[in-house]
ModelCIF file with pLDDT and N, C-alpha, C, O atoms, coordinates in Angstrom:
data_MODEL
#
_entry.id   MODEL 
#
_entity.id                         1 
_entity.type                       polymer 
_entity.pdbx_number_of_molecules   1 
#
_entity_poly.entity_id                      1 
_entity_poly.type                           'polypeptide(L)' 
_entity_poly.nstd_linkage                   no 
_entity_poly.nstd_monomer                   no 
_entity_poly.pdbx_seq_one_letter_code       ILAAEVETAMKKMLDEIEKTKRRVNALEFKLLPDLYEAQEYIEQKLEE 
_entity_poly.pdbx_seq_one_letter_code_can   ILAAEVETAMKKMLDEIEKTKRRVNALEFKLLPDLYEAQEYIEQKLEE 
_entity_poly.pdbx_strand_id                 A 
#
loop_
_entity_poly_seq.entity_id 
_entity_poly_seq.num 
_entity_poly_seq.mon_id 
_entity_poly_seq.hetero 
1 1  ILE n 
1 2  LEU n 
1 3  ALA n 
1 4  ALA n 
1 5  GLU n 
1 6  VAL n 
1 7  GLU n 
1 8  THR n 
1 9  ALA n 
1 10 MET n 
1 11 LYS n 
1 12 LYS n 
1 13 MET n 
1 14 LEU n 
1 15 ASP n 
1 16 GLU n 
1 17 ILE n 
1 18 GLU n 
1 19 LYS n 
1 20 THR n 
1 21 LYS n 
1 22 ARG n 
1 23 ARG n 
1 24 VAL n 
1 25 ASN n 
1 26 ALA n 
1 27 LEU n 
1 28 GLU n 
1 29 PHE n 
1 30 LYS n 
1 31 LEU n 
1 32 LEU n 
1 33 PRO n 
1 34 ASP n 
1 35 LEU n 
1 36 TYR n 
1 37 GLU n 
1 38 ALA n 
1 39 GLN n 
1 40 GLU n 
1 41 TYR n 
1 42 ILE n 
1 43 GLU n 
1 44 GLN n 
1 45 LYS n 
1 46 LEU n 
1 47 GLU n 
1 48 GLU n 
#
_struct_asym.id          A 
_struct_asym.entity_id   1 
#
loop_
_ma_qa_metric.id 
_ma_qa_metric.mode 
_ma_qa_metric.name 
_ma_qa_metric.software_group_id 
_ma_qa_metric.type 
1 global pLDDT . pLDDT 
2 local  pLDDT . pLDDT 
#
_ma_qa_metric_global.metric_id      1 
_ma_qa_metric_global.metric_value   94.29 
_ma_qa_metric_global.model_id       1 
_ma_qa_metric_global.ordinal_id     1 
#
loop_
_ma_qa_metric_local.label_asym_id 
_ma_qa_metric_local.label_comp_id 
_ma_qa_metric_local.label_seq_id 
_ma_qa_metric_local.metric_id 
_ma_qa_metric_local.metric_value 
_ma_qa_metric_local.model_id 
_ma_qa_metric_local.ordinal_id 
A ILE 1  2 92.00 1 1  
A LEU 2  2 92.00 1 2  
A ALA 3  2 93.00 1 3  
A ALA 4  2 92.00 1 4  
A GLU 5  2 93.00 1 5  
A VAL 6  2 94.00 1 6  
A GLU 7  2 92.00 1 7  
A THR 8  2 93.00 1 8  
A ALA 9  2 93.00 1 9  
A MET 10 2 93.00 1 10 
A LYS 11 2 94.00 1 11 
A LYS 12 2 94.00 1 12 
A MET 13 2 94.00 1 13 
A LEU 14 2 94.00 1 14 
A ASP 15 2 96.00 1 15 
A GLU 16 2 96.00 1 16 
A ILE 17 2 96.00 1 17 
A GLU 18 2 96.00 1 18 
A LYS 19 2 96.00 1 19 
A THR 20 2 96.00 1 20 
A LYS 21 2 96.00 1 21 
A ARG 22 2 97.00 1 22 
A ARG 23 2 96.00 1 23 
A VAL 24 2 97.00 1 24 
A ASN 25 2 97.00 1 25 
A ALA 26 2 96.00 1 26 
A LEU 27 2 96.00 1 27 
A GLU 28 2 95.00 1 28 
A PHE 29 2 95.00 1 29 
A LYS 30 2 95.00 1 30 
A LEU 31 2 95.00 1 31 
A LEU 32 2 96.00 1 32 
A PRO 33 2 95.00 1 33 
A ASP 34 2 94.00 1 34 
A LEU 35 2 95.00 1 35 
A TYR 36 2 95.00 1 36 
A GLU 37 2 94.00 1 37 
A ALA 38 2 94.00 1 38 
A GLN 39 2 94.00 1 39 
A GLU 40 2 94.00 1 40 
A TYR 41 2 93.00 1 41 
A ILE 42 2 93.00 1 42 
A GLU 43 2 93.00 1 43 
A GLN 44 2 93.00 1 44 
A LYS 45 2 92.00 1 45 
A LEU 46 2 92.00 1 46 
A GLU 47 2 93.00 1 47 
A GLU 48 2 92.00 1 48 
#
loop_
_atom_site.group_PDB 
_atom_site.id 
_atom_site.type_symbol 
_atom_site.label_atom_id 
_atom_site.label_alt_id 
_atom_site.label_comp_id 
_atom_site.label_asym_id 
_atom_site.label_entity_id 
_atom_site.label_seq_id 
_atom_site.pdbx_PDB_ins_code 
_atom_site.Cartn_x 
_atom_site.Cartn_y 
_atom_site.Cartn_z 
_atom_site.occupancy 
_atom_site.B_iso_or_equiv 
_atom_site.pdbx_formal_charge 
_atom_site.auth_seq_id 
_atom_site.auth_comp_id 
_atom_site.auth_asym_id 
_atom_site.auth_atom_id 
_atom_site.pdbx_PDB_model_num 
ATOM 1   N N  . ILE A 1 1  ? 130.249 108.138 92.943  1.00 92.00 ? 1  ILE A N  1 
ATOM 2   C CA . ILE A 1 1  ? 129.176 107.317 92.505  1.00 92.00 ? 1  ILE A CA 1 
ATOM 3   C C  . ILE A 1 1  ? 128.359 106.541 93.771  1.00 92.00 ? 1  ILE A C  1 
ATOM 4   O O  . ILE A 1 1  ? 127.164 106.646 94.046  1.00 92.00 ? 1  ILE A O  1 
ATOM 5   N N  . LEU A 1 2  ? 129.127 105.937 94.274  1.00 92.00 ? 2  LEU A N  1 
ATOM 6   C CA . LEU A 1 2  ? 128.512 105.086 95.395  1.00 92.00 ? 2  LEU A CA 1 
ATOM 7   C C  . LEU A 1 2  ? 127.427 106.068 96.380  1.00 92.00 ? 2  LEU A C  1 
ATOM 8   O O  . LEU A 1 2  ? 126.413 105.564 96.864  1.00 92.00 ? 2  LEU A O  1 
ATOM 9   N N  . ALA A 1 3  ? 127.821 107.638 96.617  1.00 93.00 ? 3  ALA A N  1 
ATOM 10  C CA . ALA A 1 3  ? 127.075 108.771 97.055  1.00 93.00 ? 3  ALA A CA 1 
ATOM 11  C C  . ALA A 1 3  ? 125.641 108.933 96.356  1.00 93.00 ? 3  ALA A C  1 
ATOM 12  O O  . ALA A 1 3  ? 124.608 109.159 96.987  1.00 93.00 ? 3  ALA A O  1 
ATOM 13  N N  . ALA A 1 4  ? 125.741 108.752 94.613  1.00 92.00 ? 4  ALA A N  1 
ATOM 14  C CA . ALA A 1 4  ? 124.644 108.930 93.623  1.00 92.00 ? 4  ALA A CA 1 
ATOM 15  C C  . ALA A 1 4  ? 123.614 108.091 94.187  1.00 92.00 ? 4  ALA A C  1 
ATOM 16  O O  . ALA A 1 4  ? 122.494 108.432 94.566  1.00 92.00 ? 4  ALA A O  1 
ATOM 17  N N  . GLU A 1 5  ? 124.266 106.681 94.190  1.00 93.00 ? 5  GLU A N  1 
ATOM 18  C CA . GLU A 1 5  ? 123.595 105.348 94.029  1.00 93.00 ? 5  GLU A CA 1 
ATOM 19  C C  . GLU A 1 5  ? 122.599 105.566 95.804  1.00 93.00 ? 5  GLU A C  1 
ATOM 20  O O  . GLU A 1 5  ? 121.381 105.604 95.978  1.00 93.00 ? 5  GLU A O  1 
ATOM 21  N N  . VAL A 1 6  ? 123.190 105.619 96.342  1.00 94.00 ? 6  VAL A N  1 
ATOM 22  C CA . VAL A 1 6  ? 122.795 105.648 97.920  1.00 94.00 ? 6  VAL A CA 1 
ATOM 23  C C  . VAL A 1 6  ? 121.606 107.224 98.467  1.00 94.00 ? 6  VAL A C  1 
ATOM 24  O O  . VAL A 1 6  ? 120.613 107.129 99.189  1.00 94.00 ? 6  VAL A O  1 
ATOM 25  N N  . GLU A 1 7  ? 122.047 108.258 97.960  1.00 92.00 ? 7  GLU A N  1 
ATOM 26  C CA . GLU A 1 7  ? 121.218 109.068 98.318  1.00 92.00 ? 7  GLU A CA 1 
ATOM 27  C C  . GLU A 1 7  ? 119.726 109.623 97.404  1.00 92.00 ? 7  GLU A C  1 
ATOM 28  O O  . GLU A 1 7  ? 118.881 110.412 97.826  1.00 92.00 ? 7  GLU A O  1 
ATOM 29  N N  . THR A 1 8  ? 119.753 108.777 95.768  1.00 93.00 ? 8  THR A N  1 
ATOM 30  C CA . THR A 1 8  ? 119.258 108.337 95.343  1.00 93.00 ? 8  THR A CA 1 
ATOM 31  C C  . THR A 1 8  ? 117.714 107.446 95.525  1.00 93.00 ? 8  THR A C  1 
ATOM 32  O O  . THR A 1 8  ? 116.574 107.556 95.075  1.00 93.00 ? 8  THR A O  1 
ATOM 33  N N  . ALA A 1 9  ? 118.630 106.294 96.695  1.00 93.00 ? 9  ALA A N  1 
ATOM 34  C CA . ALA A 1 9  ? 117.848 105.527 96.515  1.00 93.00 ? 9  ALA A CA 1 
ATOM 35  C C  . ALA A 1 9  ? 116.797 105.907 98.251  1.00 93.00 ? 9  ALA A C  1 
ATOM 36  O O  . ALA A 1 9  ? 115.703 105.457 98.595  1.00 93.00 ? 9  ALA A O  1 
ATOM 37  N N  . MET A 1 10 ? 117.837 106.985 99.053  1.00 93.00 ? 10 MET A N  1 
ATOM 38  C CA . MET A 1 10 ? 117.116 107.430 100.388 1.00 93.00 ? 10 MET A CA 1 
ATOM 39  C C  . MET A 1 10 ? 116.159 108.627 99.656  1.00 93.00 ? 10 MET A C  1 
ATOM 40  O O  . MET A 1 10 ? 115.276 108.899 100.469 1.00 93.00 ? 10 MET A O  1 
ATOM 41  N N  . LYS A 1 11 ? 116.017 109.363 98.550  1.00 94.00 ? 11 LYS A N  1 
ATOM 42  C CA . LYS A 1 11 ? 115.116 110.160 98.384  1.00 94.00 ? 11 LYS A CA 1 
ATOM 43  C C  . LYS A 1 11 ? 113.839 109.430 97.785  1.00 94.00 ? 11 LYS A C  1 
ATOM 44  O O  . LYS A 1 11 ? 112.693 109.621 98.192  1.00 94.00 ? 11 LYS A O  1 
ATOM 45  N N  . LYS A 1 12 ? 114.200 108.564 96.759  1.00 94.00 ? 12 LYS A N  1 
ATOM 46  C CA . LYS A 1 12 ? 112.869 107.555 96.399  1.00 94.00 ? 12 LYS A CA 1 
ATOM 47  C C  . LYS A 1 12 ? 112.004 106.457 98.092  1.00 94.00 ? 12 LYS A C  1 
ATOM 48  O O  . LYS A 1 12 ? 110.803 106.316 98.322  1.00 94.00 ? 12 LYS A O  1 
ATOM 49  N N  . MET A 1 13 ? 112.710 106.134 98.578  1.00 94.00 ? 13 MET A N  1 
ATOM 50  C CA . MET A 1 13 ? 112.367 105.878 99.674  1.00 94.00 ? 13 MET A CA 1 
ATOM 51  C C  . MET A 1 13 ? 111.401 107.007 100.459 1.00 94.00 ? 13 MET A C  1 
ATOM 52  O O  . MET A 1 13 ? 110.292 106.623 100.829 1.00 94.00 ? 13 MET A O  1 
ATOM 53  N N  . LEU A 1 14 ? 111.650 107.855 100.617 1.00 94.00 ? 14 LEU A N  1 
ATOM 54  C CA . LEU A 1 14 ? 111.220 108.734 101.711 1.00 94.00 ? 14 LEU A CA 1 
ATOM 55  C C  . LEU A 1 14 ? 110.122 109.372 100.296 1.00 94.00 ? 14 LEU A C  1 
ATOM 56  O O  . LEU A 1 14 ? 109.186 109.998 100.794 1.00 94.00 ? 14 LEU A O  1 
ATOM 57  N N  . ASP A 1 15 ? 110.058 109.352 99.032  1.00 96.00 ? 15 ASP A N  1 
ATOM 58  C CA . ASP A 1 15 ? 109.087 110.196 99.032  1.00 96.00 ? 15 ASP A CA 1 
ATOM 59  C C  . ASP A 1 15 ? 107.895 108.783 98.913  1.00 96.00 ? 15 ASP A C  1 
ATOM 60  O O  . ASP A 1 15 ? 106.709 109.051 99.105  1.00 96.00 ? 15 ASP A O  1 
ATOM 61  N N  . GLU A 1 16 ? 108.232 107.542 98.643  1.00 96.00 ? 16 GLU A N  1 
ATOM 62  C CA . GLU A 1 16 ? 106.471 106.119 99.210  1.00 96.00 ? 16 GLU A CA 1 
ATOM 63  C C  . GLU A 1 16 ? 106.624 106.492 100.302 1.00 96.00 ? 16 GLU A C  1 
ATOM 64  O O  . GLU A 1 16 ? 105.515 106.979 100.520 1.00 96.00 ? 16 GLU A O  1 
ATOM 65  N N  . ILE A 1 17 ? 107.317 106.665 101.387 1.00 96.00 ? 17 ILE A N  1 
ATOM 66  C CA . ILE A 1 17 ? 106.985 106.701 102.563 1.00 96.00 ? 17 ILE A CA 1 
ATOM 67  C C  . ILE A 1 17 ? 106.224 107.768 102.414 1.00 96.00 ? 17 ILE A C  1 
ATOM 68  O O  . ILE A 1 17 ? 105.107 107.259 102.323 1.00 96.00 ? 17 ILE A O  1 
ATOM 69  N N  . GLU A 1 18 ? 106.020 109.444 102.289 1.00 96.00 ? 18 GLU A N  1 
ATOM 70  C CA . GLU A 1 18 ? 105.370 109.951 102.261 1.00 96.00 ? 18 GLU A CA 1 
ATOM 71  C C  . GLU A 1 18 ? 103.658 110.121 101.979 1.00 96.00 ? 18 GLU A C  1 
ATOM 72  O O  . GLU A 1 18 ? 102.739 110.723 102.534 1.00 96.00 ? 18 GLU A O  1 
ATOM 73  N N  . LYS A 1 19 ? 103.824 109.110 100.630 1.00 96.00 ? 19 LYS A N  1 
ATOM 74  C CA . LYS A 1 19 ? 102.631 108.635 99.927  1.00 96.00 ? 19 LYS A CA 1 
ATOM 75  C C  . LYS A 1 19 ? 101.924 108.052 100.697 1.00 96.00 ? 19 LYS A C  1 
ATOM 76  O O  . LYS A 1 19 ? 100.729 108.279 100.885 1.00 96.00 ? 19 LYS A O  1 
ATOM 77  N N  . THR A 1 20 ? 103.030 106.700 101.572 1.00 96.00 ? 20 THR A N  1 
ATOM 78  C CA . THR A 1 20 ? 102.314 105.488 102.115 1.00 96.00 ? 20 THR A CA 1 
ATOM 79  C C  . THR A 1 20 ? 101.752 106.126 102.954 1.00 96.00 ? 20 THR A C  1 
ATOM 80  O O  . THR A 1 20 ? 100.630 105.666 103.164 1.00 96.00 ? 20 THR A O  1 
ATOM 81  N N  . LYS A 1 21 ? 102.048 107.190 103.695 1.00 96.00 ? 21 LYS A N  1 
ATOM 82  C CA . LYS A 1 21 ? 101.619 107.945 104.971 1.00 96.00 ? 21 LYS A CA 1 
ATOM 83  C C  . LYS A 1 21 ? 100.279 108.585 104.786 1.00 96.00 ? 21 LYS A C  1 
ATOM 84  O O  . LYS A 1 21 ? 99.353  108.542 105.595 1.00 96.00 ? 21 LYS A O  1 
ATOM 85  N N  . ARG A 1 22 ? 100.292 109.457 103.091 1.00 97.00 ? 22 ARG A N  1 
ATOM 86  C CA . ARG A 1 22 ? 99.239  110.306 103.145 1.00 97.00 ? 22 ARG A CA 1 
ATOM 87  C C  . ARG A 1 22 ? 98.281  109.136 103.197 1.00 97.00 ? 22 ARG A C  1 
ATOM 88  O O  . ARG A 1 22 ? 97.243  109.144 103.858 1.00 97.00 ? 22 ARG A O  1 
ATOM 89  N N  . ARG A 1 23 ? 98.906  107.657 102.102 1.00 96.00 ? 23 ARG A N  1 
ATOM 90  C CA . ARG A 1 23 ? 96.986  106.949 102.214 1.00 96.00 ? 23 ARG A CA 1 
ATOM 91  C C  . ARG A 1 23 ? 96.914  106.290 103.441 1.00 96.00 ? 23 ARG A C  1 
ATOM 92  O O  . ARG A 1 23 ? 96.083  105.384 103.371 1.00 96.00 ? 23 ARG A O  1 
ATOM 93  N N  . VAL A 1 24 ? 97.546  106.387 104.751 1.00 97.00 ? 24 VAL A N  1 
ATOM 94  C CA . VAL A 1 24 ? 96.831  105.627 105.792 1.00 97.00 ? 24 VAL A CA 1 
ATOM 95  C C  . VAL A 1 24 ? 96.282  106.600 106.208 1.00 97.00 ? 24 VAL A C  1 
ATOM 96  O O  . VAL A 1 24 ? 95.217  106.196 106.673 1.00 97.00 ? 24 VAL A O  1 
ATOM 97  N N  . ASN A 1 25 ? 96.383  108.131 106.389 1.00 97.00 ? 25 ASN A N  1 
ATOM 98  C CA . ASN A 1 25 ? 95.503  109.200 106.882 1.00 97.00 ? 25 ASN A CA 1 
ATOM 99  C C  . ASN A 1 25 ? 94.321  109.273 106.154 1.00 97.00 ? 25 ASN A C  1 
ATOM 100 O O  . ASN A 1 25 ? 93.204  109.602 106.552 1.00 97.00 ? 25 ASN A O  1 
ATOM 101 N N  . ALA A 1 26 ? 94.632  108.979 105.199 1.00 96.00 ? 26 ALA A N  1 
ATOM 102 C CA . ALA A 1 26 ? 92.901  109.324 104.303 1.00 96.00 ? 26 ALA A CA 1 
ATOM 103 C C  . ALA A 1 26 ? 92.702  108.159 104.667 1.00 96.00 ? 26 ALA A C  1 
ATOM 104 O O  . ALA A 1 26 ? 91.669  108.201 105.335 1.00 96.00 ? 26 ALA A O  1 
ATOM 105 N N  . LEU A 1 27 ? 93.247  106.663 104.612 1.00 96.00 ? 27 LEU A N  1 
ATOM 106 C CA . LEU A 1 27 ? 92.118  105.576 105.226 1.00 96.00 ? 27 LEU A CA 1 
ATOM 107 C C  . LEU A 1 27 ? 91.931  105.698 106.603 1.00 96.00 ? 27 LEU A C  1 
ATOM 108 O O  . LEU A 1 27 ? 90.919  105.195 107.092 1.00 96.00 ? 27 LEU A O  1 
ATOM 109 N N  . GLU A 1 28 ? 92.761  106.299 107.336 1.00 95.00 ? 28 GLU A N  1 
ATOM 110 C CA . GLU A 1 28 ? 92.063  106.533 108.867 1.00 95.00 ? 28 GLU A CA 1 
ATOM 111 C C  . GLU A 1 28 ? 91.292  107.569 109.169 1.00 95.00 ? 28 GLU A C  1 
ATOM 112 O O  . GLU A 1 28 ? 90.324  107.443 109.920 1.00 95.00 ? 28 GLU A O  1 
ATOM 113 N N  . PHE A 1 29 ? 91.653  108.774 108.589 1.00 95.00 ? 29 PHE A N  1 
ATOM 114 C CA . PHE A 1 29 ? 90.714  109.913 109.370 1.00 95.00 ? 29 PHE A CA 1 
ATOM 115 C C  . PHE A 1 29 ? 89.984  110.304 108.498 1.00 95.00 ? 29 PHE A C  1 
ATOM 116 O O  . PHE A 1 29 ? 89.759  111.492 108.725 1.00 95.00 ? 29 PHE A O  1 
ATOM 117 N N  . LYS A 1 30 ? 89.416  109.938 107.509 1.00 95.00 ? 30 LYS A N  1 
ATOM 118 C CA . LYS A 1 30 ? 88.818  110.537 105.927 1.00 95.00 ? 30 LYS A CA 1 
ATOM 119 C C  . LYS A 1 30 ? 87.888  108.973 105.884 1.00 95.00 ? 30 LYS A C  1 
ATOM 120 O O  . LYS A 1 30 ? 87.018  108.619 106.680 1.00 95.00 ? 30 LYS A O  1 
ATOM 121 N N  . LEU A 1 31 ? 88.298  108.392 104.946 1.00 95.00 ? 31 LEU A N  1 
ATOM 122 C CA . LEU A 1 31 ? 87.056  107.439 104.680 1.00 95.00 ? 31 LEU A CA 1 
ATOM 123 C C  . LEU A 1 31 ? 86.574  106.118 105.929 1.00 95.00 ? 31 LEU A C  1 
ATOM 124 O O  . LEU A 1 31 ? 85.460  105.732 106.283 1.00 95.00 ? 31 LEU A O  1 
ATOM 125 N N  . LEU A 1 32 ? 88.023  105.678 106.365 1.00 96.00 ? 32 LEU A N  1 
ATOM 126 C CA . LEU A 1 32 ? 86.874  104.755 107.236 1.00 96.00 ? 32 LEU A CA 1 
ATOM 127 C C  . LEU A 1 32 ? 86.129  105.905 108.236 1.00 96.00 ? 32 LEU A C  1 
ATOM 128 O O  . LEU A 1 32 ? 85.149  106.213 107.557 1.00 96.00 ? 32 LEU A O  1 
ATOM 129 N N  . PRO A 1 33 ? 86.057  106.747 109.541 1.00 95.00 ? 33 PRO A N  1 
ATOM 130 C CA . PRO A 1 33 ? 85.613  107.819 109.682 1.00 95.00 ? 33 PRO A CA 1 
ATOM 131 C C  . PRO A 1 33 ? 83.739  107.578 109.202 1.00 95.00 ? 33 PRO A C  1 
ATOM 132 O O  . PRO A 1 33 ? 82.729  107.221 109.808 1.00 95.00 ? 33 PRO A O  1 
ATOM 133 N N  . ASP A 1 34 ? 84.115  108.076 107.589 1.00 94.00 ? 34 ASP A N  1 
ATOM 134 C CA . ASP A 1 34 ? 83.089  108.241 106.828 1.00 94.00 ? 34 ASP A CA 1 
ATOM 135 C C  . ASP A 1 34 ? 82.170  107.137 106.197 1.00 94.00 ? 34 ASP A C  1 
ATOM 136 O O  . ASP A 1 34 ? 81.239  107.335 105.416 1.00 94.00 ? 34 ASP A O  1 
ATOM 137 N N  . LEU A 1 35 ? 82.567  106.059 106.639 1.00 95.00 ? 35 LEU A N  1 
ATOM 138 C CA . LEU A 1 35 ? 82.093  104.365 106.446 1.00 95.00 ? 35 LEU A CA 1 
ATOM 139 C C  . LEU A 1 35 ? 81.333  104.695 107.695 1.00 95.00 ? 35 LEU A C  1 
ATOM 140 O O  . LEU A 1 35 ? 80.149  105.032 107.702 1.00 95.00 ? 35 LEU A O  1 
ATOM 141 N N  . TYR A 1 36 ? 82.318  104.541 109.055 1.00 95.00 ? 36 TYR A N  1 
ATOM 142 C CA . TYR A 1 36 ? 81.746  103.832 110.101 1.00 95.00 ? 36 TYR A CA 1 
ATOM 143 C C  . TYR A 1 36 ? 80.533  105.213 110.320 1.00 95.00 ? 36 TYR A C  1 
ATOM 144 O O  . TYR A 1 36 ? 79.666  104.851 111.115 1.00 95.00 ? 36 TYR A O  1 
ATOM 145 N N  . GLU A 1 37 ? 80.341  106.412 109.893 1.00 94.00 ? 37 GLU A N  1 
ATOM 146 C CA . GLU A 1 37 ? 79.351  107.495 110.497 1.00 94.00 ? 37 GLU A CA 1 
ATOM 147 C C  . GLU A 1 37 ? 78.554  106.716 109.635 1.00 94.00 ? 37 GLU A C  1 
ATOM 148 O O  . GLU A 1 37 ? 77.861  106.076 110.426 1.00 94.00 ? 37 GLU A O  1 
ATOM 149 N N  . ALA A 1 38 ? 78.160  106.309 108.262 1.00 94.00 ? 38 ALA A N  1 
ATOM 150 C CA . ALA A 1 38 ? 77.272  105.627 107.421 1.00 94.00 ? 38 ALA A CA 1 
ATOM 151 C C  . ALA A 1 38 ? 76.750  104.464 108.114 1.00 94.00 ? 38 ALA A C  1 
ATOM 152 O O  . ALA A 1 38 ? 75.577  104.106 108.002 1.00 94.00 ? 38 ALA A O  1 
ATOM 153 N N  . GLN A 1 39 ? 77.540  103.921 108.768 1.00 94.00 ? 39 GLN A N  1 
ATOM 154 C CA . GLN A 1 39 ? 77.170  102.144 108.892 1.00 94.00 ? 39 GLN A CA 1 
ATOM 155 C C  . GLN A 1 39 ? 76.152  102.613 110.583 1.00 94.00 ? 39 GLN A C  1 
ATOM 156 O O  . GLN A 1 39 ? 75.272  101.966 111.151 1.00 94.00 ? 39 GLN A O  1 
ATOM 157 N N  . GLU A 1 40 ? 76.596  103.581 110.841 1.00 94.00 ? 40 GLU A N  1 
ATOM 158 C CA . GLU A 1 40 ? 75.824  104.343 112.599 1.00 94.00 ? 40 GLU A CA 1 
ATOM 159 C C  . GLU A 1 40 ? 74.554  104.508 111.916 1.00 94.00 ? 40 GLU A C  1 
ATOM 160 O O  . GLU A 1 40 ? 73.607  103.814 112.284 1.00 94.00 ? 40 GLU A O  1 
ATOM 161 N N  . TYR A 1 41 ? 74.396  105.444 110.848 1.00 93.00 ? 41 TYR A N  1 
ATOM 162 C CA . TYR A 1 41 ? 73.318  105.782 110.684 1.00 93.00 ? 41 TYR A CA 1 
ATOM 163 C C  . TYR A 1 41 ? 72.312  104.798 109.605 1.00 93.00 ? 41 TYR A C  1 
ATOM 164 O O  . TYR A 1 41 ? 71.173  105.055 109.216 1.00 93.00 ? 41 TYR A O  1 
ATOM 165 N N  . ILE A 1 42 ? 72.891  103.992 109.391 1.00 93.00 ? 42 ILE A N  1 
ATOM 166 C CA . ILE A 1 42 ? 71.337  102.992 108.260 1.00 93.00 ? 42 ILE A CA 1 
ATOM 167 C C  . ILE A 1 42 ? 71.642  101.868 109.217 1.00 93.00 ? 42 ILE A C  1 
ATOM 168 O O  . ILE A 1 42 ? 71.487  100.790 108.644 1.00 93.00 ? 42 ILE A O  1 
ATOM 169 N N  . GLU A 1 43 ? 71.981  101.753 110.344 1.00 93.00 ? 43 GLU A N  1 
ATOM 170 C CA . GLU A 1 43 ? 71.674  100.458 110.832 1.00 93.00 ? 43 GLU A CA 1 
ATOM 171 C C  . GLU A 1 43 ? 70.430  101.671 112.353 1.00 93.00 ? 43 GLU A C  1 
ATOM 172 O O  . GLU A 1 43 ? 69.330  101.228 112.682 1.00 93.00 ? 43 GLU A O  1 
ATOM 173 N N  . GLN A 1 44 ? 70.927  102.936 112.917 1.00 93.00 ? 44 GLN A N  1 
ATOM 174 C CA . GLN A 1 44 ? 69.648  103.635 113.774 1.00 93.00 ? 44 GLN A CA 1 
ATOM 175 C C  . GLN A 1 44 ? 68.456  103.624 112.875 1.00 93.00 ? 44 GLN A C  1 
ATOM 176 O O  . GLN A 1 44 ? 67.430  103.458 113.534 1.00 93.00 ? 44 GLN A O  1 
ATOM 177 N N  . LYS A 1 45 ? 68.274  103.728 111.782 1.00 92.00 ? 45 LYS A N  1 
ATOM 178 C CA . LYS A 1 45 ? 67.295  103.830 110.799 1.00 92.00 ? 45 LYS A CA 1 
ATOM 179 C C  . LYS A 1 45 ? 66.500  102.646 110.490 1.00 92.00 ? 45 LYS A C  1 
ATOM 180 O O  . LYS A 1 45 ? 65.369  102.544 110.016 1.00 92.00 ? 45 LYS A O  1 
ATOM 181 N N  . LEU A 1 46 ? 67.280  101.848 110.836 1.00 92.00 ? 46 LEU A N  1 
ATOM 182 C CA . LEU A 1 46 ? 66.502  100.512 109.929 1.00 92.00 ? 46 LEU A CA 1 
ATOM 183 C C  . LEU A 1 46 ? 65.956  100.065 111.610 1.00 92.00 ? 46 LEU A C  1 
ATOM 184 O O  . LEU A 1 46 ? 64.981  99.321  111.717 1.00 92.00 ? 46 LEU A O  1 
ATOM 185 N N  . GLU A 1 47 ? 66.352  100.353 112.299 1.00 93.00 ? 47 GLU A N  1 
ATOM 186 C CA . GLU A 1 47 ? 66.267  99.872  114.083 1.00 93.00 ? 47 GLU A CA 1 
ATOM 187 C C  . GLU A 1 47 ? 64.658  101.170 114.110 1.00 93.00 ? 47 GLU A C  1 
ATOM 188 O O  . GLU A 1 47 ? 63.488  100.966 114.436 1.00 93.00 ? 47 GLU A O  1 
ATOM 189 N N  . GLU A 1 48 ? 65.201  102.140 113.723 1.00 92.00 ? 48 GLU A N  1 
ATOM 190 C CA . GLU A 1 48 ? 63.501  103.187 113.890 1.00 92.00 ? 48 GLU A CA 1 
ATOM 191 C C  . GLU A 1 48 ? 62.530  102.224 112.799 1.00 92.00 ? 48 GLU A C  1 
ATOM 192 O O  . GLU A 1 48 ? 61.354  102.524 112.592 1.00 92.00 ? 48 GLU A O  1 
#
């Protein structure tokens, strides 16, 4: 019974860690670089 409780909690925690890591990576390597690129593009065009 104790093993079932602990190992189920461990699996749920691991699933949440993986989901949170994917969200961090999506922001760090996709969304934010795209936003920085768009910001730089607009700033350059406005300066021109």
